[in-house]
mmCIF file of all heavy atoms, coordinates in Angstrom:
data_MODEL
# 
_entry.id   MODEL 
# 
loop_
_atom_site.group_PDB 
_atom_site.id 
_atom_site.type_symbol 
_atom_site.label_atom_id 
_atom_site.label_alt_id 
_atom_site.label_comp_id 
_atom_site.label_asym_id 
_atom_site.label_entity_id 
_atom_site.label_seq_id 
_atom_site.pdbx_PDB_ins_code 
_atom_site.Cartn_x 
_atom_site.Cartn_y 
_atom_site.Cartn_z 
_atom_site.occupancy 
_atom_site.B_iso_or_equiv 
_atom_site.pdbx_formal_charge 
_atom_site.auth_seq_id 
_atom_site.auth_comp_id 
_atom_site.auth_asym_id 
_atom_site.auth_atom_id 
_atom_site.pdbx_PDB_model_num 
ATOM 1   N N   . ALA A 1 1  ? 0.836  -1.199 0.000   1.00 0.00 ? 1  ALA A N   1 
ATOM 2   C CA  . ALA A 1 1  ? 0.000  0.000  0.000   1.00 0.00 ? 1  ALA A CA  1 
ATOM 3   C C   . ALA A 1 1  ? 0.874  1.254  0.000   1.00 0.00 ? 1  ALA A C   1 
ATOM 4   O O   . ALA A 1 1  ? 0.661  2.172  -0.796  1.00 0.00 ? 1  ALA A O   1 
ATOM 5   C CB  . ALA A 1 1  ? -0.938 0.003  1.205   1.00 0.00 ? 1  ALA A CB  1 
ATOM 6   N N   . CYS A 1 2  ? 1.860  1.292  0.886   1.00 0.00 ? 2  CYS A N   1 
ATOM 7   C CA  . CYS A 1 2  ? 2.774  2.436  0.924   1.00 0.00 ? 2  CYS A CA  1 
ATOM 8   C C   . CYS A 1 2  ? 3.555  2.543  -0.379  1.00 0.00 ? 2  CYS A C   1 
ATOM 9   O O   . CYS A 1 2  ? 3.746  3.631  -0.917  1.00 0.00 ? 2  CYS A O   1 
ATOM 10  C CB  . CYS A 1 2  ? 3.740  2.311  2.096   1.00 0.00 ? 2  CYS A CB  1 
ATOM 11  S SG  . CYS A 1 2  ? 2.989  2.540  3.720   1.00 0.00 ? 2  CYS A SG  1 
ATOM 12  N N   . GLU A 1 3  ? 3.973  1.401  -0.891  1.00 0.00 ? 3  GLU A N   1 
ATOM 13  C CA  . GLU A 1 3  ? 4.740  1.399  -2.123  1.00 0.00 ? 3  GLU A CA  1 
ATOM 14  C C   . GLU A 1 3  ? 3.903  1.928  -3.294  1.00 0.00 ? 3  GLU A C   1 
ATOM 15  O O   . GLU A 1 3  ? 4.385  2.690  -4.126  1.00 0.00 ? 3  GLU A O   1 
ATOM 16  C CB  . GLU A 1 3  ? 5.229  -0.024 -2.436  1.00 0.00 ? 3  GLU A CB  1 
ATOM 17  C CG  . GLU A 1 3  ? 6.236  -0.573 -1.447  1.00 0.00 ? 3  GLU A CG  1 
ATOM 18  C CD  . GLU A 1 3  ? 5.604  -1.194 -0.199  1.00 0.00 ? 3  GLU A CD  1 
ATOM 19  O OE1 . GLU A 1 3  ? 4.386  -0.998 0.024   1.00 0.00 ? 3  GLU A OE1 1 
ATOM 20  O OE2 . GLU A 1 3  ? 6.323  -1.863 0.556   1.00 0.00 ? 3  GLU A OE2 1 
ATOM 21  N N   . ALA A 1 4  ? 2.634  1.546  -3.334  1.00 0.00 ? 4  ALA A N   1 
ATOM 22  C CA  . ALA A 1 4  ? 1.752  1.991  -4.413  1.00 0.00 ? 4  ALA A CA  1 
ATOM 23  C C   . ALA A 1 4  ? 1.553  3.498  -4.377  1.00 0.00 ? 4  ALA A C   1 
ATOM 24  O O   . ALA A 1 4  ? 1.580  4.169  -5.421  1.00 0.00 ? 4  ALA A O   1 
ATOM 25  C CB  . ALA A 1 4  ? 0.402  1.281  -4.318  1.00 0.00 ? 4  ALA A CB  1 
ATOM 26  N N   . ASP A 1 5  ? 1.361  4.053  -3.168  1.00 0.00 ? 5  ASP A N   1 
ATOM 27  C CA  . ASP A 1 5  ? 1.136  5.494  -3.074  1.00 0.00 ? 5  ASP A CA  1 
ATOM 28  C C   . ASP A 1 5  ? 2.407  6.294  -3.322  1.00 0.00 ? 5  ASP A C   1 
ATOM 29  O O   . ASP A 1 5  ? 2.340  7.454  -3.753  1.00 0.00 ? 5  ASP A O   1 
ATOM 30  C CB  . ASP A 1 5  ? 0.532  5.851  -1.709  1.00 0.00 ? 5  ASP A CB  1 
ATOM 31  C CG  . ASP A 1 5  ? -0.977 5.707  -1.715  1.00 0.00 ? 5  ASP A CG  1 
ATOM 32  O OD1 . ASP A 1 5  ? -1.515 5.264  -2.750  1.00 0.00 ? 5  ASP A OD1 1 
ATOM 33  O OD2 . ASP A 1 5  ? -1.634 6.024  -0.711  1.00 0.00 ? 5  ASP A OD2 1 
ATOM 34  N N   . LEU A 1 6  ? 3.565  5.709  -3.067  1.00 0.00 ? 6  LEU A N   1 
ATOM 35  C CA  . LEU A 1 6  ? 4.813  6.378  -3.452  1.00 0.00 ? 6  LEU A CA  1 
ATOM 36  C C   . LEU A 1 6  ? 4.994  6.333  -4.966  1.00 0.00 ? 6  LEU A C   1 
ATOM 37  O O   . LEU A 1 6  ? 5.465  7.296  -5.580  1.00 0.00 ? 6  LEU A O   1 
ATOM 38  C CB  . LEU A 1 6  ? 6.007  5.717  -2.764  1.00 0.00 ? 6  LEU A CB  1 
ATOM 39  C CG  . LEU A 1 6  ? 6.143  5.959  -1.261  1.00 0.00 ? 6  LEU A CG  1 
ATOM 40  C CD1 . LEU A 1 6  ? 7.308  5.163  -0.693  1.00 0.00 ? 6  LEU A CD1 1 
ATOM 41  C CD2 . LEU A 1 6  ? 6.331  7.439  -0.956  1.00 0.00 ? 6  LEU A CD2 1 
ATOM 42  N N   . ASN A 1 7  ? 4.590  5.227  -5.569  1.00 0.00 ? 7  ASN A N   1 
ATOM 43  C CA  . ASN A 1 7  ? 4.672  5.105  -7.026  1.00 0.00 ? 7  ASN A CA  1 
ATOM 44  C C   . ASN A 1 7  ? 3.805  6.151  -7.725  1.00 0.00 ? 7  ASN A C   1 
ATOM 45  O O   . ASN A 1 7  ? 4.157  6.671  -8.786  1.00 0.00 ? 7  ASN A O   1 
ATOM 46  C CB  . ASN A 1 7  ? 4.236  3.702  -7.441  1.00 0.00 ? 7  ASN A CB  1 
ATOM 47  C CG  . ASN A 1 7  ? 4.470  3.433  -8.907  1.00 0.00 ? 7  ASN A CG  1 
ATOM 48  O OD1 . ASN A 1 7  ? 5.577  3.556  -9.394  1.00 0.00 ? 7  ASN A OD1 1 
ATOM 49  N ND2 . ASN A 1 7  ? 3.415  3.060  -9.624  1.00 0.00 ? 7  ASN A ND2 1 
ATOM 50  N N   . VAL A 1 8  ? 2.679  6.489  -7.089  1.00 0.00 ? 8  VAL A N   1 
ATOM 51  C CA  . VAL A 1 8  ? 1.766  7.488  -7.641  1.00 0.00 ? 8  VAL A CA  1 
ATOM 52  C C   . VAL A 1 8  ? 2.457  8.845  -7.799  1.00 0.00 ? 8  VAL A C   1 
ATOM 53  O O   . VAL A 1 8  ? 2.110  9.634  -8.682  1.00 0.00 ? 8  VAL A O   1 
ATOM 54  C CB  . VAL A 1 8  ? 0.511  7.615  -6.746  1.00 0.00 ? 8  VAL A CB  1 
ATOM 55  C CG1 . VAL A 1 8  ? -0.296 8.849  -7.064  1.00 0.00 ? 8  VAL A CG1 1 
ATOM 56  C CG2 . VAL A 1 8  ? -0.359 6.374  -6.898  1.00 0.00 ? 8  VAL A CG2 1 
ATOM 57  N N   . LEU A 1 9  ? 3.445  9.125  -6.963  1.00 0.00 ? 9  LEU A N   1 
ATOM 58  C CA  . LEU A 1 9  ? 4.139  10.410 -7.025  1.00 0.00 ? 9  LEU A CA  1 
ATOM 59  C C   . LEU A 1 9  ? 4.838  10.630 -8.372  1.00 0.00 ? 9  LEU A C   1 
ATOM 60  O O   . LEU A 1 9  ? 5.140  11.762 -8.734  1.00 0.00 ? 9  LEU A O   1 
ATOM 61  C CB  . LEU A 1 9  ? 5.171  10.510 -5.906  1.00 0.00 ? 9  LEU A CB  1 
ATOM 62  C CG  . LEU A 1 9  ? 4.623  10.643 -4.484  1.00 0.00 ? 9  LEU A CG  1 
ATOM 63  C CD1 . LEU A 1 9  ? 5.755  10.596 -3.462  1.00 0.00 ? 9  LEU A CD1 1 
ATOM 64  C CD2 . LEU A 1 9  ? 3.818  11.921 -4.326  1.00 0.00 ? 9  LEU A CD2 1 
ATOM 65  N N   . GLY A 1 10 ? 5.065  9.560  -9.094  1.00 0.00 ? 10 GLY A N   1 
ATOM 66  C CA  . GLY A 1 10 ? 5.701  9.683  -10.395 1.00 0.00 ? 10 GLY A CA  1 
ATOM 67  C C   . GLY A 1 10 ? 4.732  9.963  -11.526 1.00 0.00 ? 10 GLY A C   1 
ATOM 68  O O   . GLY A 1 10 ? 5.157  10.190 -12.660 1.00 0.00 ? 10 GLY A O   1 
ATOM 69  N N   . THR A 1 11 ? 3.425  9.946  -11.250 1.00 0.00 ? 11 THR A N   1 
ATOM 70  C CA  . THR A 1 11 ? 2.440  10.204 -12.291 1.00 0.00 ? 11 THR A CA  1 
ATOM 71  C C   . THR A 1 11 ? 2.362  11.700 -12.596 1.00 0.00 ? 11 THR A C   1 
ATOM 72  O O   . THR A 1 11 ? 2.869  12.539 -11.849 1.00 0.00 ? 11 THR A O   1 
ATOM 73  C CB  . THR A 1 11 ? 1.056  9.691  -11.866 1.00 0.00 ? 11 THR A CB  1 
ATOM 74  O OG1 . THR A 1 11 ? 0.610  10.413 -10.709 1.00 0.00 ? 11 THR A OG1 1 
ATOM 75  C CG2 . THR A 1 11 ? 1.109  8.208  -11.537 1.00 0.00 ? 11 THR A CG2 1 
ATOM 76  N N   . LEU A 1 12 ? 1.657  12.041 -13.673 1.00 0.00 ? 12 LEU A N   1 
ATOM 77  C CA  . LEU A 1 12 ? 1.634  13.440 -14.104 1.00 0.00 ? 12 LEU A CA  1 
ATOM 78  C C   . LEU A 1 12 ? 0.858  14.344 -13.150 1.00 0.00 ? 12 LEU A C   1 
ATOM 79  O O   . LEU A 1 12 ? 1.055  15.558 -13.138 1.00 0.00 ? 12 LEU A O   1 
ATOM 80  C CB  . LEU A 1 12 ? 1.061  13.550 -15.525 1.00 0.00 ? 12 LEU A CB  1 
ATOM 81  C CG  . LEU A 1 12 ? -0.330 12.958 -15.803 1.00 0.00 ? 12 LEU A CG  1 
ATOM 82  C CD1 . LEU A 1 12 ? -1.415 13.939 -15.470 1.00 0.00 ? 12 LEU A CD1 1 
ATOM 83  C CD2 . LEU A 1 12 ? -0.423 12.554 -17.269 1.00 0.00 ? 12 LEU A CD2 1 
ATOM 84  N N   . VAL A 1 13 ? -0.003 13.776 -12.308 1.00 0.00 ? 13 VAL A N   1 
ATOM 85  C CA  . VAL A 1 13 ? -0.742 14.607 -11.350 1.00 0.00 ? 13 VAL A CA  1 
ATOM 86  C C   . VAL A 1 13 ? 0.207  15.206 -10.320 1.00 0.00 ? 13 VAL A C   1 
ATOM 87  O O   . VAL A 1 13 ? 0.134  16.393 -9.987  1.00 0.00 ? 13 VAL A O   1 
ATOM 88  C CB  . VAL A 1 13 ? -1.850 13.800 -10.653 1.00 0.00 ? 13 VAL A CB  1 
ATOM 89  C CG1 . VAL A 1 13 ? -2.510 14.636 -9.552  1.00 0.00 ? 13 VAL A CG1 1 
ATOM 90  C CG2 . VAL A 1 13 ? -2.905 13.359 -11.666 1.00 0.00 ? 13 VAL A CG2 1 
ATOM 91  N N   . PHE A 1 14 ? 1.134  14.398 -9.812  1.00 0.00 ? 14 PHE A N   1 
ATOM 92  C CA  . PHE A 1 14 ? 2.058  14.852 -8.775  1.00 0.00 ? 14 PHE A CA  1 
ATOM 93  C C   . PHE A 1 14 ? 3.401  15.287 -9.367  1.00 0.00 ? 14 PHE A C   1 
ATOM 94  O O   . PHE A 1 14 ? 4.011  16.242 -8.908  1.00 0.00 ? 14 PHE A O   1 
ATOM 95  C CB  . PHE A 1 14 ? 2.269  13.753 -7.740  1.00 0.00 ? 14 PHE A CB  1 
ATOM 96  C CG  . PHE A 1 14 ? 1.007  13.354 -7.035  1.00 0.00 ? 14 PHE A CG  1 
ATOM 97  C CD1 . PHE A 1 14 ? 0.262  12.268 -7.463  1.00 0.00 ? 14 PHE A CD1 1 
ATOM 98  C CD2 . PHE A 1 14 ? 0.540  14.083 -5.953  1.00 0.00 ? 14 PHE A CD2 1 
ATOM 99  C CE1 . PHE A 1 14 ? -0.908 11.906 -6.824  1.00 0.00 ? 14 PHE A CE1 1 
ATOM 100 C CE2 . PHE A 1 14 ? -0.635 13.731 -5.307  1.00 0.00 ? 14 PHE A CE2 1 
ATOM 101 C CZ  . PHE A 1 14 ? -1.364 12.644 -5.743  1.00 0.00 ? 14 PHE A CZ  1 
ATOM 102 N N   . ASP A 1 15 ? 3.892  14.541 -10.340 1.00 0.00 ? 15 ASP A N   1 
ATOM 103 C CA  . ASP A 1 15 ? 5.124  14.879 -11.072 1.00 0.00 ? 15 ASP A CA  1 
ATOM 104 C C   . ASP A 1 15 ? 6.274  15.212 -10.123 1.00 0.00 ? 15 ASP A C   1 
ATOM 105 O O   . ASP A 1 15 ? 6.794  16.331 -10.102 1.00 0.00 ? 15 ASP A O   1 
ATOM 106 C CB  . ASP A 1 15 ? 4.858  16.045 -12.028 1.00 0.00 ? 15 ASP A CB  1 
ATOM 107 C CG  . ASP A 1 15 ? 6.009  16.238 -13.016 1.00 0.00 ? 15 ASP A CG  1 
ATOM 108 O OD1 . ASP A 1 15 ? 6.874  15.352 -13.094 1.00 0.00 ? 15 ASP A OD1 1 
ATOM 109 O OD2 . ASP A 1 15 ? 6.039  17.285 -13.681 1.00 0.00 ? 15 ASP A OD2 1 
ATOM 110 N N   . LEU A 1 16 ? 6.673  14.201 -9.351  1.00 0.00 ? 16 LEU A N   1 
ATOM 111 C CA  . LEU A 1 16 ? 7.734  14.381 -8.363  1.00 0.00 ? 16 LEU A CA  1 
ATOM 112 C C   . LEU A 1 16 ? 9.016  14.935 -8.972  1.00 0.00 ? 16 LEU A C   1 
ATOM 113 O O   . LEU A 1 16 ? 9.737  15.704 -8.336  1.00 0.00 ? 16 LEU A O   1 
ATOM 114 C CB  . LEU A 1 16 ? 8.013  13.035 -7.680  1.00 0.00 ? 16 LEU A CB  1 
ATOM 115 C CG  . LEU A 1 16 ? 8.968  13.020 -6.498  1.00 0.00 ? 16 LEU A CG  1 
ATOM 116 C CD1 . LEU A 1 16 ? 8.383  13.788 -5.320  1.00 0.00 ? 16 LEU A CD1 1 
ATOM 117 C CD2 . LEU A 1 16 ? 9.289  11.587 -6.090  1.00 0.00 ? 16 LEU A CD2 1 
ATOM 118 N N   . GLY A 1 17 ? 9.280  14.574 -10.230 1.00 0.00 ? 17 GLY A N   1 
ATOM 119 C CA  . GLY A 1 17 ? 10.518 14.995 -10.875 1.00 0.00 ? 17 GLY A CA  1 
ATOM 120 C C   . GLY A 1 17 ? 10.643 16.493 -11.053 1.00 0.00 ? 17 GLY A C   1 
ATOM 121 O O   . GLY A 1 17 ? 11.762 17.016 -11.158 1.00 0.00 ? 17 GLY A O   1 
ATOM 122 N N   . ARG A 1 18 ? 9.517  17.230 -11.086 1.00 0.00 ? 18 ARG A N   1 
ATOM 123 C CA  . ARG A 1 18 ? 9.606  18.690 -11.271 1.00 0.00 ? 18 ARG A CA  1 
ATOM 124 C C   . ARG A 1 18 ? 10.256 19.365 -10.074 1.00 0.00 ? 18 ARG A C   1 
ATOM 125 O O   . ARG A 1 18 ? 10.667 20.524 -10.151 1.00 0.00 ? 18 ARG A O   1 
ATOM 126 C CB  . ARG A 1 18 ? 8.217  19.275 -11.532 1.00 0.00 ? 18 ARG A CB  1 
ATOM 127 C CG  . ARG A 1 18 ? 7.245  19.154 -10.377 1.00 0.00 ? 18 ARG A CG  1 
ATOM 128 C CD  . ARG A 1 18 ? 5.828  19.503 -10.815 1.00 0.00 ? 18 ARG A CD  1 
ATOM 129 N NE  . ARG A 1 18 ? 4.844  18.982 -9.890  1.00 0.00 ? 18 ARG A NE  1 
ATOM 130 C CZ  . ARG A 1 18 ? 4.017  19.735 -9.172  1.00 0.00 ? 18 ARG A CZ  1 
ATOM 131 N NH1 . ARG A 1 18 ? 4.064  21.058 -9.286  1.00 0.00 ? 18 ARG A NH1 1 
ATOM 132 N NH2 . ARG A 1 18 ? 3.154  19.187 -8.362  1.00 0.00 ? 18 ARG A NH2 1 
ATOM 133 N N   . PHE A 1 19 ? 10.340 18.665 -8.943  1.00 0.00 ? 19 PHE A N   1 
ATOM 134 C CA  . PHE A 1 19 ? 11.000 19.212 -7.759  1.00 0.00 ? 19 PHE A CA  1 
ATOM 135 C C   . PHE A 1 19 ? 12.448 18.731 -7.650  1.00 0.00 ? 19 PHE A C   1 
ATOM 136 O O   . PHE A 1 19 ? 13.120 19.007 -6.652  1.00 0.00 ? 19 PHE A O   1 
ATOM 137 C CB  . PHE A 1 19 ? 10.243 18.795 -6.499  1.00 0.00 ? 19 PHE A CB  1 
ATOM 138 C CG  . PHE A 1 19 ? 8.809  19.237 -6.484  1.00 0.00 ? 19 PHE A CG  1 
ATOM 139 C CD1 . PHE A 1 19 ? 7.788  18.313 -6.644  1.00 0.00 ? 19 PHE A CD1 1 
ATOM 140 C CD2 . PHE A 1 19 ? 8.469  20.568 -6.321  1.00 0.00 ? 19 PHE A CD2 1 
ATOM 141 C CE1 . PHE A 1 19 ? 6.461  18.704 -6.627  1.00 0.00 ? 19 PHE A CE1 1 
ATOM 142 C CE2 . PHE A 1 19 ? 7.147  20.978 -6.306  1.00 0.00 ? 19 PHE A CE2 1 
ATOM 143 C CZ  . PHE A 1 19 ? 6.132  20.044 -6.467  1.00 0.00 ? 19 PHE A CZ  1 
ATOM 144 N N   . GLY A 1 20 ? 12.910 17.998 -8.649  1.00 0.00 ? 20 GLY A N   1 
ATOM 145 C CA  . GLY A 1 20 ? 14.269 17.487 -8.618  1.00 0.00 ? 20 GLY A CA  1 
ATOM 146 C C   . GLY A 1 20 ? 14.422 16.222 -7.783  1.00 0.00 ? 20 GLY A C   1 
ATOM 147 O O   . GLY A 1 20 ? 15.537 15.827 -7.448  1.00 0.00 ? 20 GLY A O   1 
ATOM 148 N N   . ILE A 1 21 ? 13.287 15.563 -7.462  1.00 0.00 ? 21 ILE A N   1 
ATOM 149 C CA  . ILE A 1 21 ? 13.314 14.345 -6.653  1.00 0.00 ? 21 ILE A CA  1 
ATOM 150 C C   . ILE A 1 21 ? 12.975 13.158 -7.545  1.00 0.00 ? 21 ILE A C   1 
ATOM 151 O O   . ILE A 1 21 ? 11.986 13.188 -8.277  1.00 0.00 ? 21 ILE A O   1 
ATOM 152 C CB  . ILE A 1 21 ? 12.302 14.422 -5.483  1.00 0.00 ? 21 ILE A CB  1 
ATOM 153 C CG1 . ILE A 1 21 ? 12.514 15.704 -4.674  1.00 0.00 ? 21 ILE A CG1 1 
ATOM 154 C CG2 . ILE A 1 21 ? 12.422 13.204 -4.594  1.00 0.00 ? 21 ILE A CG2 1 
ATOM 155 C CD1 . ILE A 1 21 ? 11.436 15.961 -3.647  1.00 0.00 ? 21 ILE A CD1 1 
ATOM 156 N N   . GLN A 1 22 ? 13.791 12.121 -7.477  1.00 0.00 ? 22 GLN A N   1 
ATOM 157 C CA  . GLN A 1 22 ? 13.570 10.942 -8.306  1.00 0.00 ? 22 GLN A CA  1 
ATOM 158 C C   . GLN A 1 22 ? 13.878 9.672  -7.520  1.00 0.00 ? 22 GLN A C   1 
ATOM 159 O O   . GLN A 1 22 ? 14.731 9.666  -6.624  1.00 0.00 ? 22 GLN A O   1 
ATOM 160 C CB  . GLN A 1 22 ? 14.470 10.982 -9.546  1.00 0.00 ? 22 GLN A CB  1 
ATOM 161 C CG  . GLN A 1 22 ? 14.144 12.090 -10.529 1.00 0.00 ? 22 GLN A CG  1 
ATOM 162 C CD  . GLN A 1 22 ? 15.097 12.100 -11.708 1.00 0.00 ? 22 GLN A CD  1 
ATOM 163 O OE1 . GLN A 1 22 ? 16.308 11.880 -11.541 1.00 0.00 ? 22 GLN A OE1 1 
ATOM 164 N NE2 . GLN A 1 22 ? 14.580 12.322 -12.901 1.00 0.00 ? 22 GLN A NE2 1 
ATOM 165 N N   . PHE A 1 23 ? 13.176 8.594  -7.880  1.00 0.00 ? 23 PHE A N   1 
ATOM 166 C CA  . PHE A 1 23 ? 13.506 7.271  -7.365  1.00 0.00 ? 23 PHE A CA  1 
ATOM 167 C C   . PHE A 1 23 ? 14.426 6.591  -8.371  1.00 0.00 ? 23 PHE A C   1 
ATOM 168 O O   . PHE A 1 23 ? 14.181 6.629  -9.580  1.00 0.00 ? 23 PHE A O   1 
ATOM 169 C CB  . PHE A 1 23 ? 12.240 6.424  -7.159  1.00 0.00 ? 23 PHE A CB  1 
ATOM 170 C CG  . PHE A 1 23 ? 11.381 6.916  -6.034  1.00 0.00 ? 23 PHE A CG  1 
ATOM 171 C CD1 . PHE A 1 23 ? 10.158 7.518  -6.288  1.00 0.00 ? 23 PHE A CD1 1 
ATOM 172 C CD2 . PHE A 1 23 ? 11.788 6.787  -4.723  1.00 0.00 ? 23 PHE A CD2 1 
ATOM 173 C CE1 . PHE A 1 23 ? 9.357  7.973  -5.253  1.00 0.00 ? 23 PHE A CE1 1 
ATOM 174 C CE2 . PHE A 1 23 ? 11.006 7.243  -3.669  1.00 0.00 ? 23 PHE A CE2 1 
ATOM 175 C CZ  . PHE A 1 23 ? 9.785  7.843  -3.946  1.00 0.00 ? 23 PHE A CZ  1 
ATOM 176 N N   . VAL A 1 24 ? 15.494 5.978  -7.871  1.00 0.00 ? 24 VAL A N   1 
ATOM 177 C CA  . VAL A 1 24 ? 16.487 5.349  -8.738  1.00 0.00 ? 24 VAL A CA  1 
ATOM 178 C C   . VAL A 1 24 ? 16.563 3.861  -8.454  1.00 0.00 ? 24 VAL A C   1 
ATOM 179 O O   . VAL A 1 24 ? 16.130 3.376  -7.403  1.00 0.00 ? 24 VAL A O   1 
ATOM 180 C CB  . VAL A 1 24 ? 17.875 6.001  -8.548  1.00 0.00 ? 24 VAL A CB  1 
ATOM 181 C CG1 . VAL A 1 24 ? 17.839 7.450  -9.012  1.00 0.00 ? 24 VAL A CG1 1 
ATOM 182 C CG2 . VAL A 1 24 ? 18.339 5.917  -7.103  1.00 0.00 ? 24 VAL A CG2 1 
# 
């Protein structure tokens, strides 16, 4: 559940990458 909601951060709604944060 936690993993799924963290994965959501990479979608276009949240777009985590625009803040310079990425999962590697």
